[in-house]
Amino acid sequence: MIKLTRKMLYALEAVVDIAYNTTADPAQAREITKRQGIPQRYLEQVMQKLVRAGVLKGVRGPRGGYRLARERRRITVGEIVRVVYGTERTTRDLVQMESGSDLAEKVIRPLWKDARETFMREMDTITIEDLCRRAHAKGIDSRTAERVQFDI
């Protein structure tokens, strides 16, 4: 089962922070770490992976930072989970291992695989825009002068 690890939490926080605090300038990593309390070393690692995966766009230069690579309504939580999960797996997934009893092979592993697939289907229905709406509804401050318009 996919666990909510620190890296996954930080990745989701960073992407939502970028989407929620969008201005004309890209979001700098140090601003994100200050707002969210994410250690810089974790943030930089995960941000580069999200850039390579096409979730974020890195902007170079003195006023550089990160932007969403696509509209926030086109980026899902599932996509971010897959990027981070793929970087954290260090051992083979037990669901994919071939050894085991008939009970494990024919009952337990298929159950676990189905549960994971159901979870990921649900994560694929939640967009970064949905999370920005939740943040707005919870009264979380945005650094933008005007509230972000969610309807397109």
Protein backbone atom coordinates (compact mmCIF):
# COMPACT_ATOMS: atom_id res chain seq x y z
CA MET A 1 0.00 0.00 0.00
CA ILE A 2 1.22 3.45 -0.71
CA LYS A 3 2.16 5.30 2.46
CA LEU A 4 2.12 9.06 2.93
CA THR A 5 5.84 9.57 3.36
CA ARG A 6 7.56 12.84 4.19
CA LYS A 7 8.75 13.21 0.61
CA MET A 8 5.23 12.64 -0.73
CA LEU A 9 3.74 15.12 1.73
CA TYR A 10 6.39 17.71 0.84
CA ALA A 11 5.84 17.17 -2.90
CA LEU A 12 2.09 17.66 -2.59
CA GLU A 13 2.53 20.69 -0.32
CA ALA A 14 5.03 22.27 -2.72
CA VAL A 15 2.89 21.79 -5.82
CA VAL A 16 -0.24 23.10 -4.09
CA ASP A 17 1.77 26.01 -2.66
CA ILE A 18 2.96 26.95 -6.15
CA ALA A 19 -0.57 26.69 -7.54
CA TYR A 20 -2.19 28.50 -4.60
CA ASN A 21 0.33 31.32 -4.35
CA THR A 22 0.70 31.92 -8.07
CA THR A 23 1.88 35.33 -9.21
CA ALA A 24 3.60 36.49 -12.38
CA ASP A 25 6.95 35.42 -10.89
CA PRO A 26 7.92 31.80 -10.40
CA ALA A 27 7.87 30.46 -6.84
CA GLN A 28 11.34 30.25 -5.37
CA ALA A 29 12.24 27.18 -3.33
CA ARG A 30 13.23 29.28 -0.31
CA GLU A 31 9.78 30.94 -0.30
CA ILE A 32 8.09 27.55 -0.34
CA THR A 33 10.30 26.24 2.46
CA LYS A 34 9.53 29.33 4.52
CA ARG A 35 5.75 29.14 3.98
CA GLN A 36 5.43 25.37 4.42
CA GLY A 37 8.31 24.56 6.77
CA ILE A 38 9.76 22.04 4.34
CA PRO A 39 13.50 21.37 4.72
CA GLN A 40 15.36 22.72 1.68
CA ARG A 41 17.23 19.44 1.07
CA TYR A 42 13.97 17.48 0.69
CA LEU A 43 12.34 20.14 -1.43
CA GLU A 44 15.08 20.47 -4.04
CA GLN A 45 15.25 16.71 -4.59
CA VAL A 46 11.53 16.32 -5.10
CA MET A 47 11.17 19.48 -7.20
CA GLN A 48 13.72 18.26 -9.73
CA LYS A 49 11.86 14.97 -10.06
CA LEU A 50 8.59 16.85 -10.62
CA VAL A 51 10.28 18.99 -13.28
CA ARG A 52 11.57 15.88 -15.07
CA ALA A 53 8.08 14.34 -14.89
CA GLY A 54 6.50 17.43 -16.49
CA VAL A 55 4.50 18.50 -13.43
CA LEU A 56 6.59 21.60 -12.80
CA LYS A 57 8.66 23.86 -14.98
CA GLY A 58 11.98 25.14 -13.64
CA VAL A 59 12.83 28.76 -14.43
CA ARG A 60 16.53 29.68 -14.27
CA GLY A 61 18.06 32.97 -13.32
CA PRO A 62 18.12 35.37 -10.37
CA ARG A 63 14.32 35.58 -10.27
CA GLY A 64 13.94 31.92 -11.17
CA GLY A 65 12.03 29.24 -9.39
CA TYR A 66 9.19 26.88 -10.23
CA ARG A 67 5.87 27.09 -12.03
CA LEU A 68 3.24 24.54 -12.84
CA ALA A 69 3.97 22.98 -16.22
CA ARG A 70 0.24 22.71 -16.95
CA GLU A 71 -2.98 24.18 -15.67
CA ARG A 72 -3.69 23.07 -12.11
CA ARG A 73 -6.91 21.43 -13.22
CA ARG A 74 -4.82 19.13 -15.42
CA ILE A 75 -2.44 17.92 -12.70
CA THR A 76 -3.72 15.16 -10.42
CA VAL A 77 -2.65 14.04 -6.99
CA GLY A 78 -2.19 10.57 -8.49
CA GLU A 79 0.41 11.88 -10.91
CA ILE A 80 2.44 13.42 -8.09
CA VAL A 81 2.09 10.30 -5.94
CA ARG A 82 3.42 8.16 -8.80
CA VAL A 83 6.44 10.44 -9.34
CA VAL A 84 7.42 10.40 -5.68
CA TYR A 85 6.52 6.76 -5.08
CA GLY A 86 8.68 5.76 -8.03
CA THR A 87 11.68 7.51 -6.48
CA GLU A 88 11.20 6.01 -3.02
CA ARG A 89 10.85 2.34 -3.81
CA THR A 90 14.03 0.61 -2.82
CA THR A 91 12.80 -2.96 -2.54
CA ARG A 92 10.63 -5.01 -4.86
CA ASP A 93 6.94 -4.65 -4.31
CA LEU A 94 5.59 -7.70 -2.47
CA VAL A 95 2.54 -7.72 -4.75
CA GLN A 96 4.80 -8.33 -7.76
CA MET A 97 7.01 -11.01 -6.20
CA GLU A 98 6.49 -14.48 -7.61
CA SER A 99 7.34 -16.66 -4.63
CA GLY A 100 4.72 -17.57 -2.08
CA SER A 101 1.92 -19.95 -1.27
CA ASP A 102 -1.18 -20.48 -3.38
CA LEU A 103 -3.12 -18.44 -0.84
CA ALA A 104 -0.70 -15.53 -1.19
CA GLU A 105 -0.59 -15.77 -4.99
CA LYS A 106 -4.29 -16.27 -5.68
CA VAL A 107 -5.99 -14.38 -2.85
CA ILE A 108 -3.85 -11.98 -0.80
CA ARG A 109 -1.70 -10.38 -3.51
CA PRO A 110 -4.63 -9.81 -5.90
CA LEU A 111 -6.57 -8.22 -3.02
CA TRP A 112 -3.66 -5.87 -2.28
CA LYS A 113 -3.21 -5.04 -5.96
CA ASP A 114 -6.93 -4.24 -6.33
CA ALA A 115 -6.84 -2.01 -3.23
CA ARG A 116 -3.83 -0.09 -4.55
CA GLU A 117 -5.45 0.35 -7.96
CA THR A 118 -8.66 1.61 -6.34
CA PHE A 119 -6.67 4.08 -4.24
CA MET A 120 -4.77 5.38 -7.29
CA ARG A 121 -7.97 5.73 -9.33
CA GLU A 122 -9.33 7.93 -6.53
CA MET A 123 -6.11 9.98 -6.41
CA ASP A 124 -6.39 10.45 -10.19
CA THR A 125 -9.77 12.15 -9.72
CA ILE A 126 -8.39 14.83 -7.37
CA THR A 127 -6.67 17.75 -9.06
CA ILE A 128 -4.38 20.43 -7.73
CA GLU A 129 -7.21 22.86 -8.41
CA ASP A 130 -9.43 20.80 -6.08
CA LEU A 131 -6.81 21.11 -3.32
CA CYS A 132 -6.51 24.87 -3.92
CA ARG A 133 -10.28 25.14 -3.52
CA ARG A 134 -10.06 23.20 -0.26
CA ALA A 135 -7.31 25.51 0.99
CA HIS A 136 -9.44 28.54 0.12
CA ALA A 137 -12.48 27.03 1.86
CA LYS A 138 -10.36 26.39 4.98
CA GLY A 139 -9.30 30.06 5.03
CA ILE A 140 -5.63 29.42 4.28
CA ASP A 141 -4.01 32.67 3.23
CA SER A 142 -2.66 33.04 -0.26
CA ARG A 143 0.18 35.42 -0.96
CA THR A 144 -1.53 36.72 -4.10
CA ALA A 145 -3.15 40.10 -3.77
CA GLU A 146 -6.35 38.86 -5.37
CA ARG A 147 -7.86 35.48 -4.77
CA VAL A 148 -7.12 33.10 -7.59
CA GLN A 149 -10.01 32.63 -9.98
CA PHE A 150 -10.88 28.93 -10.07
CA ASP A 151 -13.50 29.00 -12.82
CA ILE A 152 -12.23 28.92 -16.37
